[in-house]
């Protein structure tokens, strides 16, 4: 399986499965990204998918909590469910090899890093307002160019005023292409996904308000092929609600 995953495809599957449920069948087979978590009491490993399902299986028990996997899985009523606290997890069967997603953590310091490569495109981030569901990670799908043998490294840097005047946060997205290209290989376009851990940002601004909650207004910038300077991602402000005092 190629490590090229379209979030739009995953979400399209979710809509399709929802329509099937409305027709009365609970059985399903789908592909999705899953955040791997561990129960604090039973220590069982389970997954929270982008399609909104909570699943588990014998194959998942060896997976590392806190990681993301792209999985193909299915569930039928005869497979049953596992009770975990107040929730019931579907006992799914995973087919094929799970594909790990790249992960990185937000850097809160400014960077003097030079721009060595530029993106072909970046889609808006996919995230949940509940930071617990995906472990406070935001998923970014991006396109870039590279030769065979080369790998993309994506980094995120908070820039500007550390005090976040008016609760405004700016984050730069940088791309680097590393590795040794195979002789004679040509440049091709590729698509990938990276999971960004936004927990450092939450920790930096939690408790810094006299109100019950505080809304951070986040904008992302990235470097696009054909453009001289950074461009805003979708020219949109994204919101993160953090706890106040």
Protein backbone atom coordinates (compact mmCIF):
# COMPACT_ATOMS: atom_id res chain seq x y z
CA UNK A 1 0.00 0.00 0.00
CA UNK A 2 1.39 3.40 -0.90
CA UNK A 3 1.67 5.89 1.91
CA UNK A 4 -0.58 8.34 0.11
CA UNK A 5 -3.89 8.91 1.85
CA UNK A 6 -6.62 11.36 0.93
CA UNK A 7 -8.54 12.68 3.94
CA UNK A 8 -11.39 13.57 1.61
CA UNK A 9 -11.60 9.90 0.64
CA UNK A 10 -11.65 8.83 4.29
CA UNK A 11 -14.44 11.27 5.08
CA UNK A 12 -16.33 10.20 1.96
CA UNK A 13 -16.26 6.64 3.26
CA UNK A 14 -17.64 7.89 6.56
CA UNK A 15 -20.62 9.47 4.83
CA UNK A 16 -21.19 6.30 2.83
CA UNK A 17 -21.13 4.15 5.95
CA UNK A 18 -23.56 6.49 7.70
CA UNK A 19 -26.05 6.07 4.86
CA UNK A 20 -25.72 2.29 5.15
CA UNK A 21 -26.50 2.44 8.86
CA UNK A 22 -29.67 4.37 8.14
CA UNK A 23 -30.78 1.44 6.01
CA UNK A 24 -30.68 -0.80 9.09
CA UNK A 25 -27.36 -2.66 8.76
CA UNK A 26 -24.63 -2.20 11.36
CA UNK A 27 -22.04 -4.24 9.47
CA UNK A 28 -19.32 -2.21 7.79
CA UNK A 29 -15.96 -2.39 6.05
CA UNK A 30 -13.94 0.78 5.65
CA UNK A 31 -10.54 2.44 5.59
CA UNK A 32 -9.63 5.25 7.96
CA UNK A 33 -6.90 6.90 9.97
CA UNK A 34 -7.07 5.85 13.62
CA UNK A 35 -5.51 7.45 16.68
CA UNK A 36 -4.16 4.64 18.88
CA UNK A 37 -5.01 5.03 22.56
CA UNK A 38 -4.81 2.96 25.75
CA UNK A 39 -7.40 2.55 28.49
CA UNK A 40 -6.13 3.76 31.88
CA UNK A 41 -7.81 0.91 33.79
CA UNK A 42 -7.63 -2.22 31.62
CA UNK A 43 -4.59 -1.01 29.60
CA UNK A 44 -6.32 -2.34 26.48
CA UNK A 45 -5.26 -0.73 23.19
CA UNK A 46 -7.97 0.71 20.98
CA UNK A 47 -8.41 3.16 18.11
CA UNK A 48 -10.42 6.33 17.52
CA UNK A 49 -11.07 6.74 13.81
CA UNK A 50 -11.71 9.78 11.65
CA UNK A 51 -15.06 8.21 10.79
CA UNK A 52 -16.08 8.54 14.45
CA UNK A 53 -15.80 4.87 15.40
CA UNK A 54 -14.06 3.44 18.46
CA UNK A 55 -12.55 0.07 17.56
CA UNK A 56 -10.28 -2.61 18.95
CA UNK A 57 -8.78 -5.93 17.85
CA UNK A 58 -6.12 -8.44 18.76
CA UNK A 59 -3.87 -6.95 16.07
CA UNK A 60 -4.06 -3.55 17.75
CA UNK A 61 -2.74 -4.72 21.13
CA UNK A 62 0.87 -4.47 19.92
CA UNK A 63 0.45 -0.94 18.53
CA UNK A 64 2.02 2.03 20.30
CA UNK A 65 -0.44 4.37 22.05
CA UNK A 66 -0.19 7.95 20.87
CA UNK A 67 0.50 7.02 17.25
CA UNK A 68 -1.63 7.21 14.11
CA UNK A 69 -2.28 4.32 11.72
CA UNK A 70 -4.07 4.06 8.41
CA UNK A 71 -6.16 0.87 8.68
CA UNK A 72 -8.44 -1.27 6.56
CA UNK A 73 -10.92 -3.00 8.86
CA UNK A 74 -14.36 -4.55 9.01
CA UNK A 75 -16.97 -5.35 11.63
CA UNK A 76 -19.93 -7.72 11.67
CA UNK A 77 -22.39 -8.30 14.48
CA UNK A 78 -20.97 -11.77 15.12
CA UNK A 79 -17.59 -10.18 16.01
CA UNK A 80 -19.22 -8.56 19.03
CA UNK A 81 -18.08 -5.63 21.13
CA UNK A 82 -15.81 -4.99 24.11
CA UNK A 83 -17.07 -2.89 27.01
CA UNK A 84 -14.69 -0.18 28.22
CA UNK A 85 -16.13 1.93 30.99
CA UNK A 86 -19.34 3.45 29.63
CA UNK A 87 -18.40 2.73 26.01
CA UNK A 88 -18.60 -0.27 23.70
CA UNK A 89 -15.77 -0.86 21.23
CA UNK A 90 -16.34 -2.74 17.98
CA UNK A 91 -14.15 -5.86 17.73
CA UNK A 92 -12.93 -5.36 14.17
CA UNK A 93 -10.81 -7.47 11.86
CA UNK A 94 -7.89 -5.58 10.30
CA UNK A 95 -6.82 -6.57 6.79
CA UNK A 96 -3.49 -5.73 5.20
CA UNK A 97 -0.61 -3.97 6.89
CA UNK A 98 -1.30 -0.87 8.99
CA UNK A 99 0.47 2.22 7.62
CA UNK A 100 1.95 4.61 10.20
CA UNK A 101 1.51 8.36 9.77
CA UNK A 102 4.36 10.78 10.30
CA UNK A 103 4.07 12.86 13.48
CA UNK A 104 5.70 16.02 14.72
CA UNK A 105 5.32 18.53 17.57
CA UNK A 106 4.78 22.27 17.33
CA UNK A 107 7.98 24.25 17.96
CA UNK A 108 7.16 27.27 20.11
CA UNK A 109 10.36 29.13 19.22
CA UNK A 110 10.99 31.32 16.20
CA UNK A 111 13.13 29.83 13.48
CA UNK A 112 15.81 31.26 11.23
CA UNK A 113 15.63 28.13 9.09
CA UNK A 114 15.93 28.86 5.40
CA UNK A 115 13.23 27.63 3.07
CA UNK A 116 14.84 24.81 1.12
CA UNK A 117 11.73 23.41 -0.58
CA UNK A 118 8.18 24.51 -1.33
CA UNK A 119 4.83 22.75 -1.19
CA UNK A 120 2.59 22.12 -4.15
CA UNK A 121 -0.45 22.45 -1.85
CA UNK A 122 -1.67 22.00 1.73
CA UNK A 123 -5.26 21.21 2.65
CA UNK A 124 -6.97 22.74 5.71
CA UNK A 125 -6.18 20.82 8.93
CA UNK A 126 -8.50 18.09 10.16
CA UNK A 127 -9.00 18.21 13.92
CA UNK A 128 -11.54 17.75 16.71
CA UNK A 129 -12.55 20.49 19.13
CA UNK A 130 -12.24 17.85 21.85
CA UNK A 131 -8.48 17.62 22.32
CA UNK A 132 -8.78 14.15 23.87
CA UNK A 133 -10.17 12.42 20.77
CA UNK A 134 -7.02 12.72 18.65
CA UNK A 135 -4.62 13.52 21.48
CA UNK A 136 -4.60 17.23 20.54
CA UNK A 137 -3.22 16.43 17.08
CA UNK A 138 -4.17 18.27 13.91
CA UNK A 139 -3.81 16.36 10.63
CA UNK A 140 -2.44 18.09 7.54
CA UNK A 141 -2.51 16.62 4.05
CA UNK A 142 0.11 18.09 1.72
CA UNK A 143 1.56 17.69 -1.75
CA UNK A 144 5.19 18.12 -2.74
CA UNK A 145 7.79 17.09 -5.32
CA UNK A 146 10.65 14.64 -4.75
CA UNK A 147 12.73 11.99 -6.43
CA UNK A 148 12.77 8.30 -5.56
CA UNK A 149 14.87 7.85 -2.43
CA UNK A 150 13.98 11.28 -1.05
CA UNK A 151 11.69 11.96 1.92
CA UNK A 152 9.70 15.00 2.99
CA UNK A 153 10.25 16.48 6.45
CA UNK A 154 7.57 18.94 7.59
CA UNK A 155 8.08 21.26 10.57
CA UNK A 156 5.77 23.73 12.33
CA UNK A 157 6.96 26.86 14.13
CA UNK A 158 5.01 29.35 16.21
CA UNK A 159 6.21 32.80 15.20
CA UNK A 160 5.77 36.37 16.37
CA UNK A 161 4.72 37.78 19.73
CA UNK A 162 5.07 35.24 22.57
CA UNK A 163 2.32 37.08 24.47
CA UNK A 164 -0.20 36.41 21.69
CA UNK A 165 -1.79 39.86 21.61
CA UNK A 166 -5.55 39.55 21.02
CA UNK A 167 -5.08 35.76 21.34
CA UNK A 168 -3.70 35.66 17.79
CA UNK A 169 -1.25 32.86 16.98
CA UNK A 170 0.77 32.54 13.75
CA UNK A 171 2.36 29.25 12.72
CA UNK A 172 4.80 28.74 9.85
CA UNK A 173 4.94 25.41 8.01
CA UNK A 174 8.31 24.46 6.55
CA UNK A 175 9.20 21.70 4.08
CA UNK A 176 12.58 20.05 3.61
CA UNK A 177 13.46 17.24 1.21
CA UNK A 178 16.09 14.85 2.60
CA UNK A 179 17.72 11.61 1.48
CA UNK A 180 19.77 10.52 -1.50
CA UNK A 181 17.87 10.33 -4.78
CA UNK A 182 18.32 7.25 -6.90
CA UNK A 183 20.46 7.80 -9.96
CA UNK A 184 18.37 8.62 -13.00
CA UNK A 185 15.15 9.10 -11.03
CA UNK A 186 12.90 11.98 -12.00
CA UNK A 187 10.96 14.42 -9.88
CA UNK A 188 7.37 13.34 -9.19
CA UNK A 189 4.53 14.83 -7.16
CA UNK A 190 3.52 13.04 -3.95
CA UNK A 191 0.82 13.33 -1.30
CA UNK A 192 1.21 12.59 2.38
CA UNK A 193 -0.28 13.33 5.80
CA UNK A 194 1.40 14.51 8.98
CA UNK A 195 -0.09 14.67 12.49
CA UNK A 196 0.88 17.85 14.35
CA UNK A 197 0.86 17.73 18.16
CA UNK A 198 -0.64 21.04 19.29
CA UNK A 199 -0.42 20.22 23.01
CA UNK A 200 2.56 22.57 23.60
CA UNK A 201 0.47 25.51 22.40
CA UNK A 202 -2.41 24.55 24.69
CA UNK A 203 -0.04 24.16 27.66
CA UNK A 204 1.58 27.54 26.98
CA UNK A 205 -1.71 29.45 27.16
CA UNK A 206 -3.84 27.43 29.58
CA UNK A 207 -4.58 29.26 32.81
CA UNK A 208 -3.54 32.58 31.26
CA UNK A 209 -7.03 34.03 31.36
CA UNK A 210 -9.42 35.17 34.10
CA UNK A 211 -12.32 33.62 32.19
CA UNK A 212 -13.36 29.97 32.20
CA UNK A 213 -12.02 29.48 28.69
CA UNK A 214 -9.85 31.31 26.19
CA UNK A 215 -10.11 31.16 22.41
CA UNK A 216 -6.84 31.17 20.48
CA UNK A 217 -7.10 32.43 16.90
CA UNK A 218 -4.62 30.48 14.79
CA UNK A 219 -3.43 31.18 11.27
CA UNK A 220 -0.99 29.02 9.30
CA UNK A 221 1.48 30.14 6.63
CA UNK A 222 3.39 27.98 4.19
CA UNK A 223 5.69 28.33 1.22
CA UNK A 224 4.02 27.54 -2.10
CA UNK A 225 5.82 26.69 -5.32
CA UNK A 226 5.74 29.67 -7.65
CA UNK A 227 5.30 32.21 -4.83
CA UNK A 228 8.07 34.40 -3.44
CA UNK A 229 6.97 34.73 0.17
CA UNK A 230 4.74 32.74 2.54
CA UNK A 231 1.02 32.45 1.81
CA UNK A 232 -1.83 32.00 4.27
CA UNK A 233 -3.40 28.57 4.45
CA UNK A 234 -6.88 29.00 2.98
CA UNK A 235 -6.85 32.58 4.36
CA UNK A 236 -8.75 31.16 7.33
CA UNK A 237 -8.46 31.52 11.10
CA UNK A 238 -8.69 28.28 13.10
CA UNK A 239 -9.90 28.21 16.69
CA UNK A 240 -8.53 26.41 19.75
CA UNK A 241 -10.38 26.66 23.07
CA UNK A 242 -8.08 26.40 26.10
CA UNK A 243 -8.92 26.43 29.80
CA UNK A 244 -8.72 29.70 31.71
CA UNK A 245 -7.95 30.16 35.41
